[in-house]
Amino acid sequence: MSFASRFNPGGPDAQRRRAALLSRLDALRALEDRAAAASARSLPQFEKRGQLLPRQRVALLLDAGAPWLPLCSLAGYLHDTQDPAKSIPGGGVIAGIGFVAGVRCMVVASDSGIEAGAMQPMGLDKILRVQEIALRERLPFVHLVESAGANLMRYRVEGFVHGGSLFRNLARLSAAGIPVITIQHGSGTAGGAYMPGLSDVVIMVQGRSRAFLAGPPLLKAATGEIATEEELGGAEMHTAVSGLGEYLAADDREAIGIARAVVSNTGWAAQKRSAALEPALPADDLLALISEDLRQPVDMREVIARIVDGSELLEFKPRYGAATVCAQGRIQGHAVGFITNNGPIDVAGANKATHFIQWMCQLGHPIVYLQNTTGYMVGKDSEQGGMIKHGSKMIQAVTNATVPQITIQCGASFGAGNYGMCGRGYAPRFLFSWPGAKTAVMGGEQAARTMQIVTEAALARKGITPDPAESQAQFDKIVAMFEAQADALVTSGMLLDDGVIDPRDTRAVLAFCLDTIAEGAARTARPMQFGVARM
């Protein structure tokens, strides 16, 4: 059924919302550009060594003009420094899903233009996340490695321990029948040497690749033995003597060409999908539908109508639990179910969502959650109506759904609504945020008011009259703390999503993810008891 929009994109409120969101997008792009610029400052050194910068390597590896979905581009934002003007996001890693010789792959590259590619804590978490995606969606894992390893001046034992998961995942990918292909552009020392060691195919660059458990300084300190880098772990030695590398390339360009040939010969090239009807309503409206003040109401059906093929949607139980919207539609031909919010989730809404999730599981249709909720309804009537048990029933359905689930945080993602609407803790296959989205246990003002009531009650029991100035200062402090942590750019820096996207790209991102999921399900992987062992 075609959706009849009531939204006026030319109204003053819409124009204000649009301007505010464009400002947020500018801030997002500036952060992403900051990481690229920081890496590019190393260009003279790379050129002197006859090397390509990390982003040049990725661009050369990927098919020209094909879609590319960057992942976790803000990882580590405000973790390297608390100064928003100086923090460099990305975690020292470039990652995303793209096409290599026609094959949809997970591509990961050390950003060796920044701190020589030294592993950062959030960079590790970023790699673990994309490895998880590659394993689940059966994506060949192509790794462009050049890393100085861990920064010993910032050594943390927990980083060393958790870092083992990175190597474990490489073994799991290989054992699951998913190709792991590594280009060793530079050094891989100590634990980093296991990156090529646990890969199925390794390409090394003459004069640049290094892989050893102990480099010359550590070897001399530990055993007194003196050896050159080439003798210990150079590209020529590993491709001719140890067998760690399969291919020897003259430079970065030839190495990437070899990698493309290896991927091409997997026979995993994607099948092209036929074109679908574009939405009848313009994607540009998505900039202006949701207010910066997330308490302002919005009809989320307007969002769905700007995402689905032909702006056609079939709403499920439209008169029951109306604040929770459930609807069916198509995205680039993929049949999907949508669950979203026009207000708090009440008893009827929770029951409707539970029913709808089970219906989608019966049909085998993926579910897309468009989060915009302050949470589950509270109050005497709701509690007596069984809000806890009905909300729990919805959470049970989300947790155990048998179809792929994808989440977009469009507006508010507060309280248990984050859980019931398939937040990060419920392992959606992909989760992205709009720039104005906010995530918190509750709104800042609600949290501050709650603490104010609790504090004043405690003082009253002691016969103390609250000081208005102190009370207001505490209120403002709590609001500021909640607002700072709720910001989408901040939560994305914590890897609480897979990236912040332009609302206008929502349809394209969802279509790309749905294609990725469908391709993975259709691929014939050949699992083994162990990963491919190096010979």
Protein backbone atom coordinates (compact mmCIF):
# COMPACT_ATOMS: atom_id res chain seq x y z
CA MET A 1 0.00 0.00 0.00
CA SER A 2 1.36 3.43 -0.96
CA PHE A 3 1.96 5.69 2.05
CA ALA A 4 0.29 9.13 2.08
CA SER A 5 2.81 11.52 3.61
CA ARG A 6 1.70 14.44 5.75
CA PHE A 7 5.17 15.88 6.20
CA ASN A 8 5.86 19.43 5.00
CA PRO A 9 9.62 19.64 4.20
CA GLY A 10 9.38 23.38 3.53
CA GLY A 11 8.00 24.33 6.95
CA PRO A 12 10.10 26.35 9.41
CA ASP A 13 10.41 23.45 11.89
CA ALA A 14 11.61 21.14 9.13
CA GLN A 15 14.16 23.69 7.95
CA ARG A 16 15.54 24.11 11.49
CA ARG A 17 15.82 20.35 11.93
CA ARG A 18 17.51 19.99 8.58
CA ALA A 19 20.09 22.69 9.39
CA ALA A 20 20.82 21.12 12.79
CA LEU A 21 21.36 17.67 11.32
CA LEU A 22 23.55 18.96 8.50
CA SER A 23 25.69 20.61 11.17
CA ARG A 24 26.05 17.25 12.92
CA LEU A 25 27.01 15.61 9.62
CA ASP A 26 29.69 18.27 9.13
CA ALA A 27 31.10 17.38 12.55
CA LEU A 28 31.11 13.68 11.65
CA ARG A 29 32.88 14.22 8.33
CA ALA A 30 35.43 16.52 9.98
CA LEU A 31 36.36 13.75 12.43
CA GLU A 32 36.70 11.18 9.65
CA ASP A 33 38.78 13.63 7.61
CA ARG A 34 40.99 14.28 10.64
CA ALA A 35 42.05 10.63 10.76
CA ALA A 36 42.77 10.58 7.01
CA ALA A 37 44.75 13.82 7.27
CA ALA A 38 46.80 12.54 10.21
CA SER A 39 47.72 9.44 8.22
CA ALA A 40 48.48 11.44 5.06
CA ARG A 41 51.08 13.50 6.92
CA SER A 42 53.32 10.42 6.67
CA LEU A 43 53.25 10.52 2.85
CA PRO A 44 56.87 11.76 2.43
CA GLN A 45 58.21 8.81 4.46
CA PHE A 46 56.05 6.32 2.56
CA GLU A 47 57.11 7.70 -0.81
CA LYS A 48 60.75 7.61 0.23
CA ARG A 49 60.32 3.90 1.02
CA GLY A 50 58.46 3.29 -2.25
CA GLN A 51 55.24 2.49 -0.38
CA LEU A 52 51.58 3.46 -0.68
CA LEU A 53 49.66 5.03 2.18
CA PRO A 54 47.11 2.72 3.87
CA ARG A 55 44.10 4.42 2.26
CA GLN A 56 45.80 4.24 -1.14
CA ARG A 57 46.27 0.51 -0.62
CA VAL A 58 42.61 0.01 0.24
CA ALA A 59 41.47 2.08 -2.74
CA LEU A 60 43.67 0.06 -5.11
CA LEU A 61 42.45 -3.23 -3.65
CA LEU A 62 38.75 -2.39 -4.04
CA ASP A 63 36.85 -2.50 -7.33
CA ALA A 64 36.60 1.01 -8.77
CA GLY A 65 33.09 2.45 -8.49
CA ALA A 66 31.74 -0.45 -6.41
CA PRO A 67 29.96 0.16 -3.08
CA TRP A 68 32.08 0.39 0.08
CA LEU A 69 30.62 0.32 3.60
CA PRO A 70 33.13 1.67 6.15
CA LEU A 71 32.73 0.26 9.64
CA CYS A 72 33.46 1.79 13.05
CA SER A 73 35.16 4.88 11.62
CA LEU A 74 34.87 6.73 14.96
CA ALA A 75 36.36 3.93 17.06
CA GLY A 76 38.47 5.33 19.87
CA TYR A 77 37.15 8.90 19.59
CA LEU A 78 37.97 10.68 22.89
CA HIS A 79 39.87 7.61 24.11
CA ASP A 80 43.30 8.75 22.95
CA THR A 81 42.66 12.19 24.50
CA GLN A 82 39.66 13.81 26.13
CA ASP A 83 40.14 16.90 23.97
CA PRO A 84 37.50 16.75 21.16
CA ALA A 85 39.67 19.08 19.04
CA LYS A 86 42.67 16.73 19.12
CA SER A 87 41.23 13.20 19.31
CA ILE A 88 41.95 11.12 16.19
CA PRO A 89 39.23 8.49 15.65
CA GLY A 90 39.51 5.16 13.91
CA GLY A 91 41.57 3.16 16.39
CA GLY A 92 44.51 3.06 13.96
CA VAL A 93 42.56 0.67 11.71
CA ILE A 94 40.67 1.07 8.43
CA ALA A 95 37.85 -1.45 8.06
CA GLY A 96 34.80 -2.04 5.91
CA ILE A 97 32.94 -4.29 3.50
CA GLY A 98 33.66 -3.85 -0.19
CA PHE A 99 34.18 -5.68 -3.47
CA VAL A 100 37.52 -7.16 -4.49
CA ALA A 101 37.53 -8.63 -8.02
CA GLY A 102 33.75 -8.89 -7.80
CA VAL A 103 33.79 -10.69 -4.43
CA ARG A 104 32.19 -9.07 -1.38
CA CYS A 105 34.92 -9.08 1.30
CA MET A 106 35.76 -7.76 4.73
CA VAL A 107 38.79 -5.52 4.25
CA VAL A 108 40.97 -4.46 7.18
CA ALA A 109 44.11 -2.33 6.94
CA SER A 110 46.58 -1.14 9.54
CA ASP A 111 46.64 2.66 9.44
CA SER A 112 50.43 2.69 9.53
CA GLY A 113 50.51 6.40 8.72
CA ILE A 114 49.55 6.96 12.39
CA GLU A 115 52.05 5.84 15.04
CA ALA A 116 53.48 3.33 12.52
CA GLY A 117 50.27 1.29 12.84
CA ALA A 118 50.77 0.55 16.56
CA MET A 119 47.77 -1.35 17.93
CA GLN A 120 45.39 0.85 19.93
CA PRO A 121 42.95 -0.58 22.52
CA MET A 122 39.85 0.44 20.58
CA GLY A 123 41.56 -0.64 17.38
CA LEU A 124 41.74 -4.16 18.78
CA ASP A 125 38.04 -4.08 19.67
CA LYS A 126 37.28 -2.79 16.17
CA ILE A 127 39.12 -5.69 14.53
CA LEU A 128 37.35 -8.18 16.80
CA ARG A 129 33.98 -6.70 15.78
CA VAL A 130 34.67 -6.90 12.04
CA GLN A 131 36.05 -10.42 12.42
CA GLU A 132 32.76 -11.35 14.08
CA ILE A 133 30.84 -9.90 11.13
CA ALA A 134 33.08 -11.68 8.61
CA LEU A 135 32.58 -15.02 10.35
CA ARG A 136 28.80 -14.68 10.57
CA GLU A 137 28.28 -13.33 7.04
CA ARG A 138 30.89 -15.62 5.40
CA LEU A 139 32.99 -12.76 4.08
CA PRO A 140 36.55 -13.45 2.88
CA PHE A 141 38.87 -11.62 5.27
CA VAL A 142 41.50 -9.55 3.46
CA HIS A 143 44.05 -8.01 5.83
CA LEU A 144 46.62 -5.38 4.83
CA VAL A 145 49.15 -5.56 7.64
CA GLU A 146 51.85 -3.09 8.64
CA SER A 147 51.99 -2.61 12.35
CA ALA A 148 54.58 -1.65 14.90
CA GLY A 149 52.72 -3.95 17.29
CA ALA A 150 51.72 -2.83 20.76
CA ASN A 151 53.06 0.47 22.06
CA LEU A 152 55.15 -0.75 25.01
CA MET A 153 55.08 2.72 26.58
CA ARG A 154 51.29 2.30 26.91
CA TYR A 155 51.38 -1.41 27.76
CA ARG A 156 48.32 -2.85 29.52
CA VAL A 157 48.24 -6.51 30.46
CA GLU A 158 44.54 -6.78 29.64
CA GLY A 159 45.25 -5.66 26.08
CA PHE A 160 47.81 -8.44 25.72
CA VAL A 161 45.37 -11.05 27.07
CA HIS A 162 42.36 -9.94 25.01
CA GLY A 163 44.58 -9.61 21.95
CA GLY A 164 44.69 -13.40 21.74
CA SER A 165 41.09 -13.31 20.53
CA LEU A 166 42.26 -11.67 17.30
CA PHE A 167 44.38 -14.70 16.42
CA ARG A 168 41.73 -17.15 17.63
CA ASN A 169 39.25 -15.53 15.25
CA LEU A 170 41.61 -15.94 12.30
CA ALA A 171 41.75 -19.67 13.08
CA ARG A 172 37.94 -19.79 13.39
CA LEU A 173 37.47 -18.03 10.05
CA SER A 174 39.78 -20.47 8.27
CA ALA A 175 38.18 -23.51 9.93
CA ALA A 176 34.73 -22.22 8.90
CA GLY A 177 35.86 -22.35 5.27
CA ILE A 178 36.21 -18.56 4.95
CA PRO A 179 39.38 -17.44 3.13
CA VAL A 180 41.87 -15.39 5.17
CA ILE A 181 44.25 -13.49 2.89
CA THR A 182 47.04 -11.27 4.22
CA ILE A 183 49.35 -8.80 2.52
CA GLN A 184 52.30 -8.22 4.81
CA HIS A 185 53.19 -4.66 3.78
CA GLY A 186 55.60 -4.08 6.66
CA SER A 187 56.50 -5.41 10.07
CA GLY A 188 54.77 -8.10 12.11
CA THR A 189 56.63 -8.66 15.33
CA ALA A 190 55.97 -10.99 18.30
CA GLY A 191 52.19 -11.56 18.42
CA GLY A 192 51.88 -9.68 15.13
CA ALA A 193 53.78 -12.49 13.43
CA TYR A 194 50.81 -14.76 14.00
CA MET A 195 48.72 -12.58 11.63
CA PRO A 196 50.40 -14.14 8.58
CA GLY A 197 50.94 -17.38 10.48
CA LEU A 198 47.18 -17.87 10.86
CA SER A 199 46.29 -16.78 7.33
CA ASP A 200 45.45 -19.12 4.44
CA VAL A 201 47.44 -17.13 1.86
CA VAL A 202 50.21 -14.62 2.56
CA ILE A 203 51.69 -12.11 0.13
CA MET A 204 54.96 -10.45 1.10
CA VAL A 205 56.68 -7.35 -0.25
CA GLN A 206 60.37 -7.56 -1.11
CA GLY A 207 62.53 -5.42 1.15
CA ARG A 208 59.57 -4.30 3.29
CA SER A 209 57.82 -7.32 4.84
CA ARG A 210 59.07 -8.49 8.21
CA ALA A 211 57.67 -11.24 10.43
CA PHE A 212 59.49 -12.59 13.47
CA LEU A 213 58.67 -13.63 17.02
CA ALA A 214 61.66 -11.66 18.27
CA GLY A 215 63.25 -8.81 16.32
CA PRO A 216 67.00 -8.18 16.41
CA PRO A 217 66.92 -6.01 19.61
CA LEU A 218 64.84 -8.52 21.62
CA LEU A 219 66.82 -11.47 20.24
CA LYS A 220 70.08 -9.92 21.34
CA ALA A 221 68.66 -8.99 24.76
CA ALA A 222 67.18 -12.47 25.31
CA THR A 223 69.85 -14.76 23.83
CA GLY A 224 72.82 -12.66 22.83
CA GLU A 225 72.40 -13.82 19.21
CA ILE A 226 72.96 -11.21 16.50
CA ALA A 227 71.02 -11.44 13.22
CA THR A 228 69.73 -9.07 10.58
CA GLU A 229 66.04 -8.38 10.03
CA GLU A 230 66.16 -10.17 6.67
CA GLU A 231 67.77 -13.27 8.18
CA LEU A 232 65.21 -13.38 10.96
CA GLY A 233 62.05 -12.57 9.07
CA GLY A 234 62.44 -10.91 5.70
CA ALA A 235 60.16 -11.48 2.73
CA GLU A 236 62.74 -13.39 0.67
CA MET A 237 63.56 -15.71 3.56
CA HIS A 238 59.89 -16.44 4.36
CA THR A 239 58.88 -17.11 0.74
CA ALA A 240 61.94 -19.30 -0.02
CA VAL A 241 63.03 -20.84 3.30
CA SER A 242 60.41 -20.87 6.08
CA GLY A 243 57.34 -21.11 3.81
CA LEU A 244 55.42 -18.48 5.79
CA GLY A 245 54.68 -16.56 2.57
CA GLU A 246 53.21 -17.87 -0.68
CA TYR A 247 53.93 -14.91 -2.95
CA LEU A 248 56.78 -12.41 -3.19
CA ALA A 249 55.82 -9.03 -4.66
CA ALA A 250 58.19 -6.30 -5.80
CA ASP A 251 56.13 -3.52 -4.19
CA ASP A 252 52.74 -2.63 -2.68
CA ARG A 253 51.03 -2.36 -6.07
CA GLU A 254 52.10 -5.80 -7.21
CA ALA A 255 51.14 -7.28 -3.82
CA ILE A 256 47.63 -5.83 -4.12
CA GLY A 257 47.34 -7.15 -7.69
CA ILE A 258 48.24 -10.63 -6.45
CA ALA A 259 45.67 -10.35 -3.65
CA ARG A 260 42.97 -9.43 -6.17
CA ALA A 261 43.89 -12.48 -8.25
CA VAL A 262 43.75 -14.74 -5.18
CA VAL A 263 40.29 -13.41 -4.24
CA SER A 264 39.06 -13.73 -7.84
CA ASN A 265 40.05 -17.39 -7.86
CA THR A 266 37.90 -18.19 -4.81
CA GLY A 267 34.90 -18.33 -7.18
CA TRP A 268 32.82 -16.36 -4.68
CA ALA A 269 31.85 -13.49 -6.99
CA ALA A 270 28.50 -11.91 -6.12
CA GLN A 271 25.44 -12.23 -8.31
CA LYS A 272 23.99 -8.87 -9.37
CA ARG A 273 20.45 -8.10 -8.19
CA SER A 274 17.81 -6.62 -10.46
CA ALA A 275 16.87 -2.97 -9.90
CA ALA A 276 13.91 -2.16 -7.66
CA LEU A 277 11.53 0.78 -7.50
CA GLU A 278 13.01 3.80 -5.74
CA PRO A 279 10.95 5.37 -2.92
CA ALA A 280 8.30 7.78 -4.18
CA LEU A 281 9.23 10.23 -1.39
CA PRO A 282 12.63 12.02 -1.27
CA ALA A 283 15.41 10.79 1.02
CA ASP A 284 16.39 14.41 1.67
CA ASP A 285 13.34 14.68 3.96
CA LEU A 286 15.08 12.32 6.39
CA LEU A 287 17.28 15.23 7.45
CA ALA A 288 14.29 17.12 8.79
CA LEU A 289 11.92 14.53 10.25
CA ILE A 290 13.42 14.20 13.74
CA SER A 291 13.99 17.18 16.01
CA GLU A 292 17.16 17.80 18.04
CA ASP A 293 14.75 17.80 20.99
CA LEU A 294 13.92 14.11 20.96
CA ARG A 295 10.82 14.75 23.07
CA GLN A 296 9.14 16.22 19.99
CA PRO A 297 6.81 13.65 18.38
CA VAL A 298 7.52 12.21 14.93
CA ASP A 299 5.58 9.76 12.80
CA MET A 300 8.19 7.11 12.03
CA ARG A 301 6.07 5.77 9.19
CA GLU A 302 7.34 8.84 7.33
CA VAL A 303 10.86 7.43 7.75
CA ILE A 304 9.89 3.96 6.54
CA ALA A 305 8.16 5.45 3.48
CA ARG A 306 11.43 7.13 2.43
CA ILE A 307 13.38 3.86 2.70
CA VAL A 308 11.16 1.19 1.12
CA ASP A 309 10.68 0.34 -2.55
CA GLY A 310 7.99 2.55 -4.09
CA SER A 311 7.21 4.02 -0.62
CA GLU A 312 4.83 1.07 -0.23
CA LEU A 313 4.31 -0.42 3.22
CA LEU A 314 1.75 -2.70 4.84
CA GLU A 315 1.17 -1.72 8.46
CA PHE A 316 0.49 -4.54 10.92
CA LYS A 317 -2.29 -3.99 13.53
CA PRO A 318 -2.34 -0.21 12.91
CA ARG A 319 -5.14 0.46 15.42
CA TYR A 320 -3.68 -1.62 18.25
CA GLY A 321 -0.74 -0.34 20.29
CA ALA A 322 -0.43 2.54 17.83
CA ALA A 323 2.69 4.03 19.47
CA THR A 324 4.60 0.94 18.34
CA VAL A 325 4.66 0.73 14.54
CA CYS A 326 5.10 -2.62 12.80
CA ALA A 327 5.05 -2.78 9.02
CA GLN A 328 6.18 -4.82 6.04
CA GLY A 329 7.94 -3.49 2.96
CA ARG A 330 10.81 -4.13 0.58
CA ILE A 331 14.32 -2.68 0.35
CA GLN A 332 15.90 -3.20 -3.08
CA GLY A 333 13.67 -6.25 -3.48
CA HIS A 334 14.40 -7.74 -0.04
CA ALA A 335 11.17 -8.41 1.89
CA VAL A 336 11.62 -7.02 5.44
CA GLY A 337 9.65 -6.23 8.55
CA PHE A 338 10.03 -2.90 10.34
CA ILE A 339 9.54 -2.18 14.04
CA THR A 340 9.72 1.42 15.20
CA ASN A 341 8.31 3.83 17.75
CA ASN A 342 5.98 6.80 17.76
CA GLY A 343 6.23 7.01 21.55
CA PRO A 344 6.94 4.83 24.59
CA ILE A 345 6.30 1.10 24.24
CA ASP A 346 3.10 0.29 26.12
CA VAL A 347 1.51 -3.08 26.95
CA ALA A 348 -0.34 -3.29 23.62
CA GLY A 349 2.76 -2.19 21.71
CA ALA A 350 4.92 -4.85 23.36
CA ASN A 351 2.35 -7.53 22.57
CA LYS A 352 2.05 -6.34 18.96
CA ALA A 353 5.83 -6.33 18.47
CA THR A 354 6.12 -9.83 19.92
CA HIS A 355 3.42 -11.11 17.57
CA PHE A 356 5.05 -9.36 14.60
CA ILE A 357 8.54 -10.75 15.35
CA GLN A 358 7.12 -14.27 15.41
CA TRP A 359 5.25 -13.59 12.14
CA MET A 360 8.47 -12.41 10.46
CA CYS A 361 10.28 -15.51 11.74
CA GLN A 362 7.57 -17.68 10.23
CA LEU A 363 7.95 -15.87 6.89
CA GLY A 364 11.76 -15.84 7.08
CA HIS A 365 11.90 -12.05 6.60
CA PRO A 366 14.71 -9.98 8.21
CA ILE A 367 13.62 -7.37 10.76
CA VAL A 368 14.77 -3.74 10.72
CA TYR A 369 14.45 -1.81 13.98
CA LEU A 370 14.26 1.98 13.67
CA GLN A 371 14.86 3.09 17.25
CA ASN A 372 13.09 6.22 18.47
CA THR A 373 11.79 5.52 21.94
CA THR A 374 12.08 6.81 25.49
CA GLY A 375 11.54 3.23 26.68
CA TYR A 376 8.72 1.17 28.13
CA MET A 377 5.70 2.92 29.59
CA VAL A 378 5.75 3.55 33.35
CA GLY A 379 2.96 4.38 35.77
CA LYS A 380 0.34 2.65 37.90
CA ASP A 381 -1.87 1.60 34.99
CA SER A 382 1.06 0.16 33.06
CA GLU A 383 2.44 -1.73 36.03
CA GLN A 384 -0.96 -3.18 36.87
CA GLY A 385 -1.46 -4.04 33.21
CA GLY A 386 1.64 -6.26 33.31
CA MET A 387 4.18 -3.99 31.59
CA ILE A 388 7.10 -5.92 33.03
CA LYS A 389 5.95 -9.32 31.82
CA HIS A 390 4.78 -8.07 28.43
CA GLY A 391 7.99 -6.08 27.89
CA SER A 392 9.96 -9.16 28.90
CA LYS A 393 8.00 -11.19 26.37
CA MET A 394 9.06 -8.74 23.64
CA ILE A 395 12.69 -8.96 24.77
CA GLN A 396 12.44 -12.76 24.66
CA ALA A 397 11.21 -12.55 21.06
CA VAL A 398 14.01 -10.16 20.03
CA THR A 399 16.64 -12.34 21.70
CA ASN A 400 15.50 -15.58 20.10
CA ALA A 401 14.36 -14.37 16.68
CA THR A 402 15.47 -16.80 13.96
CA VAL A 403 15.83 -14.17 11.21
CA PRO A 404 18.55 -11.55 10.69
CA GLN A 405 17.98 -8.31 12.61
CA ILE A 406 19.42 -4.88 11.73
CA THR A 407 19.09 -1.79 13.91
CA ILE A 408 19.22 1.91 13.03
CA GLN A 409 19.26 4.31 15.98
CA CYS A 410 17.35 7.26 14.51
CA GLY A 411 16.40 9.24 17.60
CA ALA A 412 16.09 8.36 21.28
CA SER A 413 17.31 4.99 22.51
CA PHE A 414 16.54 5.18 26.19
CA GLY A 415 16.11 2.69 29.00
CA ALA A 416 14.95 -0.85 28.34
CA GLY A 417 13.64 0.43 25.01
CA ASN A 418 17.25 0.06 23.81
CA TYR A 419 17.01 -3.63 24.69
CA GLY A 420 13.51 -4.33 23.36
CA MET A 421 14.40 -2.56 20.11
CA CYS A 422 17.44 -4.79 19.52
CA GLY A 423 20.26 -2.58 20.83
CA ARG A 424 23.93 -3.56 20.76
CA GLY A 425 23.50 -5.97 23.68
CA TYR A 426 21.08 -8.07 21.58
CA ALA A 427 23.58 -8.72 18.79
CA PRO A 428 21.87 -7.31 15.69
CA ARG A 429 23.73 -8.32 12.55
CA PHE A 430 24.48 -4.62 11.91
CA LEU A 431 23.76 -1.49 13.95
CA PHE A 432 24.18 2.09 12.72
CA SER A 433 23.26 5.48 14.19
CA TRP A 434 22.02 8.76 12.76
CA PRO A 435 24.09 11.76 13.89
CA GLY A 436 21.36 13.12 16.18
CA ALA A 437 20.63 9.82 17.94
CA LYS A 438 21.11 9.55 21.69
CA THR A 439 21.61 6.48 23.86
CA ALA A 440 21.16 6.47 27.63
CA VAL A 441 19.49 4.66 30.50
CA MET A 442 17.14 7.67 30.54
CA GLY A 443 17.07 11.30 29.45
CA GLY A 444 19.47 13.64 31.27
CA GLU A 445 16.70 15.74 32.80
CA GLN A 446 14.82 12.66 34.00
CA ALA A 447 17.99 11.31 35.61
CA ALA A 448 18.73 14.66 37.26
CA ARG A 449 15.15 15.03 38.50
CA THR A 450 15.21 11.48 39.90
CA MET A 451 18.41 12.18 41.83
CA GLN A 452 17.02 15.50 43.02
CA ILE A 453 13.91 13.82 44.43
CA VAL A 454 15.98 11.08 46.10
CA THR A 455 18.44 13.60 47.59
CA GLU A 456 15.73 15.91 48.89
CA ALA A 457 13.86 13.00 50.45
CA ALA A 458 17.04 11.84 52.20
CA LEU A 459 17.68 15.34 53.55
CA ALA A 460 14.07 15.68 54.68
CA ARG A 461 14.38 12.51 56.76
CA LYS A 462 17.30 14.17 58.53
CA GLY A 463 15.34 17.39 59.00
CA ILE A 464 17.62 19.34 56.61
CA THR A 465 16.25 21.87 54.15
CA PRO A 466 17.90 21.50 50.72
CA ASP A 467 19.98 24.41 49.48
CA PRO A 468 18.41 25.56 46.16
CA ALA A 469 21.74 26.57 44.66
CA GLU A 470 23.40 23.25 45.51
CA SER A 471 20.34 21.36 44.26
CA GLN A 472 20.43 23.20 40.93
CA ALA A 473 24.19 22.69 40.59
CA GLN A 474 23.77 18.94 41.08
CA PHE A 475 20.87 18.93 38.60
CA ASP A 476 22.94 20.70 35.92
CA LYS A 477 25.95 18.45 36.52
CA ILE A 478 23.90 15.27 36.04
CA VAL A 479 22.22 16.61 32.90
CA ALA A 480 25.61 17.53 31.41
CA MET A 481 27.07 14.11 32.27
CA PHE A 482 24.19 12.22 30.66
CA GLU A 483 24.08 14.44 27.58
CA ALA A 484 27.84 14.10 27.01
CA GLN A 485 27.70 10.31 27.09
CA ALA A 486 24.48 9.99 25.06
CA ASP A 487 25.86 11.75 21.98
CA ALA A 488 26.01 9.50 18.88
CA LEU A 489 29.59 10.52 18.04
CA VAL A 490 30.69 9.59 21.56
CA THR A 491 28.85 6.25 21.70
CA SER A 492 30.18 5.36 18.25
CA GLY A 493 33.69 6.06 19.56
CA MET A 494 32.98 3.37 22.18
CA LEU A 495 32.00 0.92 19.39
CA LEU A 496 28.39 0.83 20.59
CA ASP A 497 27.41 0.87 16.93
CA ASP A 498 29.02 -0.02 13.60
CA GLY A 499 29.17 3.60 12.48
CA VAL A 500 27.29 6.88 12.18
CA ILE A 501 25.57 7.33 8.82
CA ASP A 502 23.92 10.13 6.87
CA PRO A 503 20.15 9.56 7.20
CA ARG A 504 19.86 9.99 3.43
CA ASP A 505 22.05 6.89 3.01
CA THR A 506 19.84 4.69 5.21
CA ARG A 507 18.20 2.85 2.31
CA ALA A 508 21.55 2.23 0.60
CA VAL A 509 23.18 1.02 3.84
CA LEU A 510 20.28 -1.30 4.65
CA ALA A 511 20.24 -2.68 1.09
CA PHE A 512 24.01 -3.29 1.26
CA CYS A 513 23.67 -5.10 4.60
CA LEU A 514 20.71 -7.18 3.38
CA ASP A 515 22.67 -8.13 0.25
CA THR A 516 25.64 -9.08 2.44
CA ILE A 517 23.46 -11.28 4.65
CA ALA A 518 21.72 -12.93 1.68
CA GLU A 519 25.02 -13.63 -0.09
CA GLY A 520 26.52 -15.13 3.04
CA ALA A 521 23.53 -17.42 3.49
CA ALA A 522 23.78 -18.55 -0.14
CA ARG A 523 27.56 -19.18 -0.11
CA THR A 524 28.74 -22.75 0.21
CA ALA A 525 31.49 -22.70 2.80
CA ARG A 526 33.43 -25.89 3.44
CA PRO A 527 34.22 -26.02 7.16
CA MET A 528 37.15 -28.08 8.41
CA GLN A 529 38.12 -29.38 11.82
CA PHE A 530 41.06 -26.96 11.82
CA GLY A 531 42.03 -23.87 9.86
CA VAL A 532 44.43 -24.18 6.91
CA ALA A 533 47.82 -25.06 8.44
CA ARG A 534 50.88 -23.38 6.94
CA MET A 535 53.24 -25.83 5.21
